[in-house]
Amino acid sequence: MTEKPATPATASASSPVRVRFCPSPTGTPHVGLIRTALFNWAHARHTGGTMVFRVEDTDTQRDSEESYQQLLEALAWLGIDWDEGVETGGPHAPYRQSQRLDIYRDVAAKLLAHGAVYEAYSTPEEVEARHRAAGRDPKLGYDNYDRDLTEEQVAAYRAEGREPVLRLRMPDEDIVVHDMIRGEIVFRAGSIPDYVVVRANGQPLYTLTNPVDDALMEITHVLRGEDLLSSTPRQIALFRVLVEIGVAQYVPEYGHLPYVMGEGNKKLSKRDPESSLFHLRDSGFVPEGLLNYLALLGWSLSADEDVFTVEQLVAHFDVHDVLANPARFDLKKATAINGTHVRLLEPADFRDRLVPYLQAAGVLGETLTEREAAVLDQAAPLVQERMNLLGEAPELLSFLFAADDEIELADDARKQLKDSAGDVLRAALEALEPLEDWRAPALETALREAIVDGLGIKPRLAFGPVRTAVSGRRISPPLFESLEILGKDSSLARIRALAEQLG
């Protein structure tokens, strides 16, 4: 085996940036995974570099085509694109690991011939027994026993029918990681045992496939989760050998992104509802708002700017500014930031984005009628300033599309009706029935004169019964504009119906 270079080659500062997003297609996309994709994408776009999207799909038990399609859907919805990879192609195809098995076998053979990996026959039980015999903790892991087996020992194991795994020979010196986010991290010599890169059945493991793909795809910067930090010295050790045998040109730089924490400062679990990207989308997050908040999970534009556009993120993102401390996913803050982006939408765009949520709730059909389109055109501007999530649209707007006899009073709306509600509604009917100008200003004037002036009820309480009558809700879009949209006949029918109920 040739002697290791004292200073392994690294990507030069002038090398074009190449980053990668390489998920396993298991389960539904979660915010931690997508935050990793976002930071890689932002780094590539900020530096004018290349984003590679490959899929690590060699776990046939857990990987699924459905999850793969969900990954594509999630990235497309958020506007995170890539320059090379699945669905796009590129000079390092194929970009699915399941289609690259011959490549891994070839590299494994070169590593074996080079002496960087060796055949290991010890069973876990034998390793544990050796630790016990030596008075060591039996859970210490592999003890590097097979490093220097004699030909006779190998022959004896073969005769027993044992098939070896392949293990990488870890170097006998410290491994120093110059982490772009965490600074210098030293892993002491001897602290990491030789590890398996190929199973006994010939199946390559992540410990081999991931660095080999990074090497062949010329990745310059590896930005990934903090949970993978413990595997980094293993990858660097393998990369050094890949450089020696000509598979890699250099060792990439590493940056480990902070954990995303959930409630109670526990690591956000895939099972937490707020961690599901599609749950957040279905509740009414817009891509602009969610991307903004995900960027704040470890990075910020400035100390006093929480709201920014994707363009601002790309213009200012520097991976060295990412914080090492865990970031907490705060659903309330995420929702508030989303609300700011909702209000920044162009009115026509906002109106169009409401449609799928109204359709999903059964408020609108697959195709909008002419009347439904007209109502939505009038109603959307009334609620844009009031909404944080697009998913609030059905609750706020459904009464405008419902038949008059379909209005049901919500419990909280019914409970807030005072004893005077019947008198208020009768006064409203008396004021509105003769009215010919059915526009918001005239409606407001007529109702104020009848209820505030005529009945002496405070303005803050005066119109609650009318609001409840026409919408069934305690909170609705502005009342007078809502009455205008509903029209005279529907408005009067609804007010009359509640007045009769109350007696």
Protein backbone atom coordinates (compact mmCIF):
# COMPACT_ATOMS: atom_id res chain seq x y z
CA MET A 1 0.00 0.00 0.00
CA THR A 2 1.38 3.40 -0.96
CA GLU A 3 2.06 6.02 1.70
CA LYS A 4 -0.67 8.61 2.28
CA PRO A 5 0.05 12.18 1.24
CA ALA A 6 0.63 14.43 4.23
CA THR A 7 -1.84 17.02 2.94
CA PRO A 8 -4.69 15.52 0.89
CA ALA A 9 -5.80 17.51 -2.11
CA THR A 10 -8.83 19.72 -1.50
CA ALA A 11 -11.01 21.66 -3.89
CA SER A 12 -9.30 24.95 -4.60
CA ALA A 13 -10.99 28.23 -3.79
CA SER A 14 -11.17 28.97 -7.50
CA SER A 15 -12.95 25.69 -8.34
CA PRO A 16 -16.55 26.16 -9.49
CA VAL A 17 -18.86 25.23 -6.62
CA ARG A 18 -20.63 21.91 -6.99
CA VAL A 19 -23.07 20.85 -4.27
CA ARG A 20 -25.48 17.95 -4.07
CA PHE A 21 -28.81 17.01 -2.55
CA CYS A 22 -28.96 13.25 -2.18
CA PRO A 23 -31.98 12.02 -0.21
CA SER A 24 -33.20 8.47 0.19
CA PRO A 25 -36.77 8.17 -1.12
CA THR A 26 -38.41 7.04 2.13
CA GLY A 27 -41.53 8.54 3.67
CA THR A 28 -42.84 12.00 2.90
CA PRO A 29 -40.57 15.07 2.63
CA HIS A 30 -39.96 16.77 5.98
CA VAL A 31 -38.71 20.24 6.83
CA GLY A 32 -35.23 19.13 7.96
CA LEU A 33 -34.61 17.43 4.63
CA ILE A 34 -35.96 20.34 2.62
CA ARG A 35 -33.92 22.84 4.67
CA THR A 36 -30.82 20.87 3.60
CA ALA A 37 -31.94 21.08 -0.04
CA LEU A 38 -32.59 24.82 0.33
CA PHE A 39 -29.16 25.63 1.80
CA ASN A 40 -27.39 23.61 -0.89
CA TRP A 41 -29.48 25.32 -3.56
CA ALA A 42 -28.87 28.79 -2.06
CA HIS A 43 -25.11 28.14 -1.91
CA ALA A 44 -25.06 27.01 -5.55
CA ARG A 45 -27.15 29.93 -6.76
CA HIS A 46 -25.23 32.50 -4.68
CA THR A 47 -21.87 31.34 -6.03
CA GLY A 48 -23.00 30.67 -9.59
CA GLY A 49 -22.24 27.02 -8.98
CA THR A 50 -23.96 23.74 -9.82
CA MET A 51 -26.68 21.93 -7.90
CA VAL A 52 -26.70 18.15 -8.35
CA PHE A 53 -29.75 16.12 -7.32
CA ARG A 54 -29.12 12.40 -7.00
CA VAL A 55 -31.16 9.75 -5.22
CA GLU A 56 -29.72 7.18 -2.83
CA ASP A 57 -32.18 4.37 -3.46
CA THR A 58 -30.26 1.16 -2.73
CA ASP A 59 -32.36 0.23 0.34
CA THR A 60 -34.95 -1.92 -1.38
CA GLN A 61 -36.80 -2.54 1.90
CA ARG A 62 -37.53 1.15 2.61
CA ASP A 63 -37.19 3.08 -0.65
CA SER A 64 -40.29 3.63 -2.75
CA GLU A 65 -41.24 5.19 -6.07
CA GLU A 66 -44.06 7.05 -4.31
CA SER A 67 -41.56 8.80 -2.03
CA TYR A 68 -39.37 9.64 -5.02
CA GLN A 69 -42.31 11.29 -6.78
CA GLN A 70 -43.15 13.20 -3.58
CA LEU A 71 -39.60 14.55 -3.47
CA LEU A 72 -39.96 15.83 -7.02
CA GLU A 73 -43.34 17.36 -6.18
CA ALA A 74 -42.01 19.07 -3.05
CA LEU A 75 -39.01 20.63 -4.78
CA ALA A 76 -41.12 21.74 -7.74
CA TRP A 77 -43.69 23.39 -5.43
CA LEU A 78 -40.95 25.29 -3.60
CA GLY A 79 -39.11 26.28 -6.76
CA ILE A 80 -35.87 24.51 -5.78
CA ASP A 81 -34.38 23.45 -9.10
CA TRP A 82 -31.18 21.64 -10.03
CA ASP A 83 -28.68 21.69 -12.86
CA GLU A 84 -27.76 18.00 -13.01
CA GLY A 85 -29.45 14.92 -11.73
CA VAL A 86 -32.56 12.80 -11.88
CA GLU A 87 -35.11 13.89 -14.48
CA THR A 88 -32.54 16.37 -15.84
CA GLY A 89 -29.52 14.24 -16.76
CA GLY A 90 -25.96 15.42 -16.97
CA PRO A 91 -22.37 14.29 -17.52
CA HIS A 92 -22.28 12.01 -14.46
CA ALA A 93 -25.44 9.98 -15.13
CA PRO A 94 -27.04 7.84 -13.92
CA TYR A 95 -28.09 9.80 -10.83
CA ARG A 96 -29.93 6.99 -9.03
CA GLN A 97 -27.63 4.77 -6.96
CA SER A 98 -29.61 1.66 -7.84
CA GLN A 99 -28.36 2.15 -11.43
CA ARG A 100 -24.70 2.61 -10.40
CA LEU A 101 -23.92 -0.75 -8.77
CA ASP A 102 -21.31 -1.69 -11.39
CA ILE A 103 -19.45 1.55 -10.62
CA TYR A 104 -19.29 0.70 -6.90
CA ARG A 105 -18.08 -2.85 -7.59
CA ASP A 106 -15.31 -1.49 -9.78
CA VAL A 107 -14.17 1.03 -7.16
CA ALA A 108 -14.34 -1.61 -4.40
CA ALA A 109 -12.08 -3.88 -6.47
CA LYS A 110 -9.57 -1.04 -6.92
CA LEU A 111 -9.60 -0.30 -3.20
CA LEU A 112 -8.99 -3.99 -2.40
CA ALA A 113 -6.11 -4.20 -4.88
CA HIS A 114 -4.65 -1.03 -3.40
CA GLY A 115 -4.78 -2.48 0.10
CA ALA A 116 -7.01 0.30 1.41
CA VAL A 117 -9.77 -2.17 2.20
CA TYR A 118 -9.43 -5.72 3.38
CA GLU A 119 -11.53 -8.82 3.77
CA ALA A 120 -12.89 -9.27 7.29
CA TYR A 121 -14.46 -12.53 8.47
CA SER A 122 -15.08 -11.91 12.19
CA THR A 123 -18.67 -12.30 13.36
CA PRO A 124 -20.16 -9.80 15.85
CA GLU A 125 -20.18 -12.56 18.46
CA GLU A 126 -16.46 -13.20 17.98
CA VAL A 127 -15.66 -9.48 18.28
CA GLU A 128 -17.67 -9.25 21.51
CA ALA A 129 -15.99 -12.36 22.91
CA ARG A 130 -12.52 -10.93 22.23
CA HIS A 131 -13.45 -7.70 24.04
CA ARG A 132 -14.68 -9.68 27.06
CA ALA A 133 -11.55 -11.82 27.13
CA ALA A 134 -9.41 -8.68 27.16
CA GLY A 135 -11.51 -7.03 29.88
CA ARG A 136 -12.87 -4.38 27.53
CA ASP A 137 -16.41 -3.11 27.10
CA PRO A 138 -18.07 -5.72 24.84
CA LYS A 139 -20.01 -2.95 23.06
CA LEU A 140 -16.87 -1.17 21.82
CA GLY A 141 -17.48 -2.33 18.27
CA TYR A 142 -15.12 -3.83 15.75
CA ASP A 143 -11.56 -4.37 17.02
CA ASN A 144 -9.63 -4.33 13.69
CA TYR A 145 -8.75 -8.01 14.27
CA ASP A 146 -8.87 -8.99 10.59
CA ARG A 147 -6.48 -6.30 9.38
CA ASP A 148 -3.51 -8.61 9.08
CA LEU A 149 -4.89 -12.12 8.66
CA THR A 150 -2.46 -14.70 7.32
CA GLU A 151 -3.18 -16.64 4.18
CA GLU A 152 -3.77 -19.72 6.36
CA GLN A 153 -6.38 -17.93 8.47
CA VAL A 154 -8.15 -16.69 5.35
CA ALA A 155 -8.14 -20.19 3.87
CA ALA A 156 -9.58 -21.61 7.10
CA TYR A 157 -12.41 -19.08 7.13
CA ARG A 158 -13.11 -19.81 3.48
CA ALA A 159 -13.22 -23.51 4.22
CA GLU A 160 -15.91 -22.83 6.82
CA GLY A 161 -17.96 -21.21 4.08
CA ARG A 162 -17.62 -17.70 5.47
CA GLU A 163 -18.04 -14.77 3.10
CA PRO A 164 -16.09 -11.65 4.06
CA VAL A 165 -17.21 -8.06 4.34
CA LEU A 166 -14.84 -5.39 3.07
CA ARG A 167 -13.59 -2.89 5.65
CA LEU A 168 -11.71 0.35 5.08
CA ARG A 169 -8.37 0.54 6.86
CA MET A 170 -8.64 3.73 8.96
CA PRO A 171 -5.44 5.81 9.15
CA ASP A 172 -3.30 5.78 12.28
CA GLU A 173 -3.30 9.57 12.65
CA ASP A 174 -5.82 12.19 13.75
CA ILE A 175 -8.40 13.25 11.18
CA VAL A 176 -9.11 16.97 11.20
CA VAL A 177 -12.35 18.27 9.73
CA HIS A 178 -12.30 21.96 8.77
CA ASP A 179 -16.05 22.38 9.02
CA MET A 180 -17.40 25.45 7.22
CA ILE A 181 -19.95 25.99 10.00
CA ARG A 182 -18.35 24.53 13.13
CA GLY A 183 -14.68 25.26 12.60
CA GLU A 184 -11.95 22.72 13.24
CA ILE A 185 -13.03 19.33 14.63
CA VAL A 186 -10.40 16.72 15.52
CA PHE A 187 -11.12 12.99 15.55
CA ARG A 188 -8.31 11.25 17.42
CA ALA A 189 -6.32 8.40 15.91
CA GLY A 190 -7.74 5.05 16.93
CA SER A 191 -11.12 6.45 17.97
CA ILE A 192 -12.86 5.11 14.87
CA PRO A 193 -12.54 1.42 13.99
CA ASP A 194 -12.20 0.11 10.47
CA TYR A 195 -15.69 0.13 8.98
CA VAL A 196 -17.63 -1.93 6.47
CA VAL A 197 -17.99 -0.59 2.94
CA VAL A 198 -19.29 -3.75 1.22
CA ARG A 199 -21.50 -6.43 2.77
CA ALA A 200 -20.67 -10.12 2.59
CA ASN A 201 -23.25 -10.50 -0.20
CA GLY A 202 -21.42 -7.90 -2.29
CA GLN A 203 -23.92 -5.12 -1.60
CA PRO A 204 -22.14 -1.74 -1.30
CA LEU A 205 -23.09 0.34 1.73
CA TYR A 206 -23.79 4.06 2.05
CA THR A 207 -20.30 4.37 3.54
CA LEU A 208 -18.92 3.56 0.08
CA THR A 209 -21.57 4.74 -2.36
CA ASN A 210 -21.99 8.24 -0.95
CA PRO A 211 -18.30 9.29 -1.07
CA VAL A 212 -17.75 7.52 -4.41
CA ASP A 213 -20.63 9.43 -5.97
CA ASP A 214 -19.37 12.69 -4.46
CA ALA A 215 -15.94 11.93 -5.92
CA LEU A 216 -17.11 11.01 -9.42
CA MET A 217 -19.59 13.89 -9.55
CA GLU A 218 -16.80 16.27 -8.51
CA ILE A 219 -18.71 17.66 -5.50
CA THR A 220 -16.73 20.51 -3.92
CA HIS A 221 -18.89 21.26 -0.86
CA VAL A 222 -20.92 18.78 1.20
CA LEU A 223 -23.65 20.55 3.18
CA ARG A 224 -25.61 18.07 5.28
CA GLY A 225 -27.23 17.55 8.66
CA GLU A 226 -25.35 17.59 11.94
CA ASP A 227 -26.52 14.02 12.60
CA LEU A 228 -24.05 12.86 9.91
CA LEU A 229 -21.01 14.54 11.49
CA SER A 230 -19.82 11.31 13.13
CA SER A 231 -19.46 9.68 9.70
CA THR A 232 -17.38 12.53 8.26
CA PRO A 233 -13.93 11.26 9.38
CA ARG A 234 -14.77 7.94 7.74
CA GLN A 235 -15.65 9.72 4.52
CA ILE A 236 -12.50 11.83 4.60
CA ALA A 237 -10.37 8.71 5.17
CA LEU A 238 -11.98 7.06 2.15
CA PHE A 239 -11.67 10.22 0.06
CA ARG A 240 -7.95 10.35 0.68
CA VAL A 241 -7.61 6.89 -0.75
CA LEU A 242 -9.92 7.71 -3.66
CA VAL A 243 -7.57 10.58 -4.49
CA GLU A 244 -4.59 8.19 -4.37
CA ILE A 245 -6.15 5.71 -6.80
CA GLY A 246 -7.39 8.44 -9.17
CA VAL A 247 -11.14 8.11 -8.52
CA ALA A 248 -11.33 11.52 -6.78
CA GLN A 249 -9.53 14.74 -7.62
CA TYR A 250 -9.80 16.21 -4.13
CA VAL A 251 -11.47 15.94 -0.72
CA PRO A 252 -14.57 18.18 -0.59
CA GLU A 253 -15.20 20.72 2.12
CA TYR A 254 -17.83 19.80 4.71
CA GLY A 255 -20.40 21.89 6.52
CA HIS A 256 -22.82 20.36 9.01
CA LEU A 257 -26.15 22.13 9.35
CA PRO A 258 -27.72 22.51 12.81
CA TYR A 259 -30.43 20.22 14.09
CA VAL A 260 -34.01 21.36 13.66
CA MET A 261 -35.74 21.10 17.03
CA GLY A 262 -39.44 20.74 17.75
CA GLU A 263 -41.52 21.35 20.86
CA GLY A 264 -39.73 20.88 24.16
CA ASN A 265 -36.34 21.31 22.46
CA LYS A 266 -36.44 17.76 21.13
CA LYS A 267 -35.14 17.02 17.67
CA LEU A 268 -38.01 17.50 15.23
CA SER A 269 -39.32 14.05 14.40
CA LYS A 270 -40.65 12.94 11.03
CA ARG A 271 -43.79 11.99 12.97
CA ASP A 272 -44.42 15.56 14.16
CA PRO A 273 -47.21 17.06 12.00
CA GLU A 274 -45.38 20.37 11.63
CA SER A 275 -42.38 18.55 10.16
CA SER A 276 -44.36 17.35 7.14
CA LEU A 277 -43.86 19.63 4.16
CA PHE A 278 -47.17 18.60 2.60
CA HIS A 279 -49.04 19.16 5.87
CA LEU A 280 -47.70 22.72 5.91
CA ARG A 281 -48.58 23.22 2.24
CA ASP A 282 -52.10 21.84 2.73
CA SER A 283 -52.65 24.11 5.74
CA GLY A 284 -51.96 27.10 3.52
CA PHE A 285 -48.27 27.96 3.54
CA VAL A 286 -47.11 29.63 0.33
CA PRO A 287 -43.69 28.63 -1.07
CA GLU A 288 -42.29 32.13 -0.55
CA GLY A 289 -43.25 32.13 3.14
CA LEU A 290 -42.07 28.61 3.89
CA LEU A 291 -38.73 29.08 2.12
CA ASN A 292 -38.22 32.29 4.09
CA TYR A 293 -38.86 30.52 7.38
CA LEU A 294 -36.79 27.42 6.54
CA ALA A 295 -33.85 29.71 5.73
CA LEU A 296 -34.15 31.14 9.26
CA LEU A 297 -33.47 27.67 10.70
CA GLY A 298 -29.77 28.37 10.99
CA TRP A 299 -29.28 31.54 8.94
CA SER A 300 -30.54 35.10 8.86
CA LEU A 301 -30.35 38.03 6.47
CA SER A 302 -29.57 40.39 9.33
CA ALA A 303 -30.23 40.70 13.05
CA ASP A 304 -33.46 42.62 12.55
CA GLU A 305 -34.80 41.25 9.25
CA ASP A 306 -36.88 38.09 9.48
CA VAL A 307 -38.81 38.62 6.26
CA PHE A 308 -37.04 38.42 2.93
CA THR A 309 -37.55 37.17 -0.60
CA VAL A 310 -35.94 34.17 -2.26
CA GLU A 311 -33.96 36.63 -4.37
CA GLN A 312 -32.57 38.28 -1.24
CA LEU A 313 -31.68 34.86 0.19
CA VAL A 314 -29.70 33.97 -2.93
CA ALA A 315 -27.99 37.37 -3.04
CA HIS A 316 -26.80 37.24 0.57
CA PHE A 317 -26.45 33.56 1.50
CA ASP A 318 -23.04 32.59 2.84
CA VAL A 319 -22.69 29.11 4.31
CA HIS A 320 -20.05 30.41 6.72
CA ASP A 321 -22.79 32.54 8.33
CA VAL A 322 -24.90 29.49 9.21
CA LEU A 323 -25.08 29.03 12.98
CA ALA A 324 -23.97 25.79 14.60
CA ASN A 325 -26.56 25.95 17.39
CA PRO A 326 -29.78 23.93 17.00
CA ALA A 327 -32.67 25.82 15.40
CA ARG A 328 -36.21 25.46 16.74
CA PHE A 329 -39.14 25.12 14.38
CA ASP A 330 -41.67 27.60 15.76
CA LEU A 331 -44.99 27.10 13.99
CA LYS A 332 -46.41 30.42 15.24
CA LYS A 333 -43.46 32.38 13.89
CA ALA A 334 -43.53 30.42 10.63
CA THR A 335 -47.24 31.21 10.26
CA ALA A 336 -46.71 34.92 10.96
CA ILE A 337 -43.91 35.14 8.38
CA ASN A 338 -46.11 33.31 5.91
CA GLY A 339 -48.85 35.87 6.54
CA THR A 340 -46.48 38.67 5.56
CA HIS A 341 -45.74 36.90 2.27
CA VAL A 342 -49.47 36.32 1.68
CA ARG A 343 -50.02 40.07 1.96
CA LEU A 344 -47.13 40.74 -0.44
CA LEU A 345 -48.76 38.70 -3.22
CA GLU A 346 -50.21 40.52 -6.19
CA PRO A 347 -54.02 40.60 -5.73
CA ALA A 348 -54.73 38.50 -8.83
CA ASP A 349 -52.11 35.94 -7.81
CA PHE A 350 -53.54 35.78 -4.29
CA ARG A 351 -57.03 35.26 -5.65
CA ASP A 352 -55.89 32.40 -7.89
CA ARG A 353 -54.01 30.69 -5.06
CA LEU A 354 -57.18 30.55 -2.96
CA VAL A 355 -58.99 28.38 -5.51
CA PRO A 356 -57.38 24.99 -4.69
CA TYR A 357 -58.10 25.45 -0.97
CA LEU A 358 -61.73 26.36 -1.63
CA GLN A 359 -62.03 23.38 -3.97
CA ALA A 360 -60.44 20.98 -1.47
CA ALA A 361 -62.99 22.09 1.15
CA GLY A 362 -65.90 21.57 -1.27
CA VAL A 363 -66.72 25.27 -1.36
CA LEU A 364 -66.04 25.45 -5.09
CA GLY A 365 -66.36 22.80 -7.76
CA GLU A 366 -63.73 21.70 -10.22
CA THR A 367 -64.72 24.49 -12.60
CA LEU A 368 -65.79 27.89 -11.32
CA THR A 369 -69.12 29.22 -12.54
CA GLU A 370 -69.30 32.78 -13.79
CA ARG A 371 -70.97 33.87 -10.54
CA GLU A 372 -68.39 32.07 -8.37
CA ALA A 373 -65.56 33.73 -10.26
CA ALA A 374 -67.19 37.14 -9.82
CA VAL A 375 -67.75 36.58 -6.08
CA LEU A 376 -64.15 35.47 -5.62
CA ASP A 377 -62.89 38.53 -7.53
CA GLN A 378 -64.77 40.77 -5.09
CA ALA A 379 -64.08 38.79 -1.92
CA ALA A 380 -60.35 38.05 -2.24
CA PRO A 381 -59.22 41.66 -1.62
CA LEU A 382 -61.32 41.72 1.55
CA VAL A 383 -59.39 38.87 3.20
CA GLN A 384 -55.83 39.21 1.90
CA GLU A 385 -54.87 41.50 4.79
CA ARG A 386 -56.55 39.20 7.33
CA MET A 387 -55.03 35.83 6.45
CA ASN A 388 -51.80 34.14 7.52
CA LEU A 389 -52.53 30.83 5.81
CA LEU A 390 -54.37 30.20 2.55
CA GLY A 391 -56.09 27.30 4.29
CA GLU A 392 -58.13 29.87 6.25
CA ALA A 393 -60.03 30.74 3.05
CA PRO A 394 -62.88 28.20 3.37
CA GLU A 395 -63.70 29.31 6.93
CA LEU A 396 -63.66 32.98 5.94
CA LEU A 397 -65.34 32.83 2.52
CA SER A 398 -67.60 29.77 2.28
CA PHE A 399 -70.73 31.74 3.31
CA LEU A 400 -70.44 33.87 0.17
CA PHE A 401 -70.82 30.77 -2.03
CA ALA A 402 -73.41 28.91 0.07
CA ALA A 403 -77.15 28.79 -0.49
CA ASP A 404 -79.15 30.91 1.96
CA ASP A 405 -80.64 27.86 3.68
CA GLU A 406 -77.20 26.25 4.13
CA ILE A 407 -75.91 28.82 6.63
CA GLU A 408 -75.26 27.11 9.97
CA LEU A 409 -74.36 29.08 13.07
CA ALA A 410 -71.00 28.23 14.61
CA ASP A 411 -71.20 27.58 18.35
CA ASP A 412 -68.98 30.51 19.28
CA ALA A 413 -71.08 32.84 17.10
CA ARG A 414 -74.34 31.67 18.66
CA LYS A 415 -72.94 32.05 22.20
CA GLN A 416 -71.99 35.68 21.67
CA LEU A 417 -75.50 36.73 20.63
CA LYS A 418 -76.98 39.03 23.29
CA ASP A 419 -80.62 39.27 24.33
CA SER A 420 -80.86 42.31 22.08
CA ALA A 421 -79.88 40.34 18.95
CA GLY A 422 -83.48 39.93 17.79
CA ASP A 423 -84.14 43.65 18.09
CA VAL A 424 -80.92 44.40 16.18
CA LEU A 425 -81.89 42.10 13.32
CA ARG A 426 -85.40 43.50 13.06
CA ALA A 427 -84.01 47.03 13.01
CA ALA A 428 -81.56 45.96 10.29
CA LEU A 429 -84.37 44.53 8.19
CA GLU A 430 -86.41 47.66 8.57
CA ALA A 431 -83.47 49.79 7.48
CA LEU A 432 -82.32 47.60 4.60
CA GLU A 433 -85.55 46.47 2.95
CA PRO A 434 -86.33 49.85 1.35
CA LEU A 435 -82.72 50.53 0.41
CA GLU A 436 -82.06 50.85 -3.33
CA ASP A 437 -78.32 51.63 -3.24
CA TRP A 438 -76.87 48.22 -2.25
CA ARG A 439 -73.27 49.29 -1.99
CA ALA A 440 -71.07 49.15 1.10
CA PRO A 441 -71.09 52.89 2.00
CA ALA A 442 -74.90 53.14 1.78
CA LEU A 443 -75.29 49.86 3.72
CA GLU A 444 -73.03 51.12 6.48
CA THR A 445 -74.89 54.40 6.77
CA ALA A 446 -78.29 52.71 6.94
CA LEU A 447 -77.20 50.15 9.58
CA ARG A 448 -75.42 52.73 11.73
CA GLU A 449 -78.48 54.96 11.79
CA ALA A 450 -80.77 52.04 12.62
CA ILE A 451 -78.69 50.19 15.22
CA VAL A 452 -76.10 52.57 16.70
CA ASP A 453 -78.24 55.70 16.64
CA GLY A 454 -81.71 54.12 16.73
CA LEU A 455 -81.11 51.42 19.38
CA GLY A 456 -78.20 53.10 21.19
CA ILE A 457 -75.93 50.06 20.88
CA LYS A 458 -72.17 50.67 20.90
CA PRO A 459 -70.55 50.44 17.44
CA ARG A 460 -68.25 47.62 18.60
CA LEU A 461 -71.26 45.41 19.38
CA ALA A 462 -73.84 46.79 16.98
CA PHE A 463 -73.25 44.68 13.90
CA GLY A 464 -72.37 41.30 15.45
CA PRO A 465 -75.86 39.79 15.01
CA VAL A 466 -76.01 40.89 11.36
CA ARG A 467 -72.57 39.39 10.73
CA THR A 468 -73.63 36.13 12.35
CA ALA A 469 -76.89 36.05 10.38
CA VAL A 470 -75.28 36.38 6.97
CA SER A 471 -72.10 34.34 7.57
CA GLY A 472 -72.85 31.99 10.45
CA ARG A 473 -69.51 33.08 11.92
CA ARG A 474 -68.27 35.36 14.68
CA ILE A 475 -65.48 36.60 12.39
CA SER A 476 -65.92 37.28 8.70
CA PRO A 477 -64.64 39.61 5.99
CA PRO A 478 -65.79 43.26 6.36
CA LEU A 479 -69.55 43.16 6.88
CA PHE A 480 -70.79 45.91 4.56
CA GLU A 481 -68.69 44.68 1.63
CA SER A 482 -69.91 41.13 2.32
CA LEU A 483 -73.53 42.29 2.18
CA GLU A 484 -72.79 44.00 -1.13
CA ILE A 485 -71.31 40.80 -2.58
CA LEU A 486 -74.20 38.64 -1.35
CA GLY A 487 -76.77 40.99 -2.84
CA LYS A 488 -80.00 42.29 -1.39
CA ASP A 489 -82.16 39.17 -1.64
CA SER A 490 -79.68 36.78 0.01
CA SER A 491 -78.69 39.27 2.69
CA LEU A 492 -82.29 39.95 3.71
CA ALA A 493 -83.23 36.27 3.59
CA ARG A 494 -80.41 35.36 5.98
CA ILE A 495 -81.09 38.22 8.40
CA ARG A 496 -84.81 37.36 8.38
CA ALA A 497 -84.11 33.66 9.04
CA LEU A 498 -82.07 34.34 12.19
CA ALA A 499 -84.49 36.99 13.39
CA GLU A 500 -87.30 34.41 13.17
CA GLN A 501 -85.18 31.83 15.03
CA LEU A 502 -84.55 34.22 17.88
CA GLY A 503 -88.22 35.25 18.06
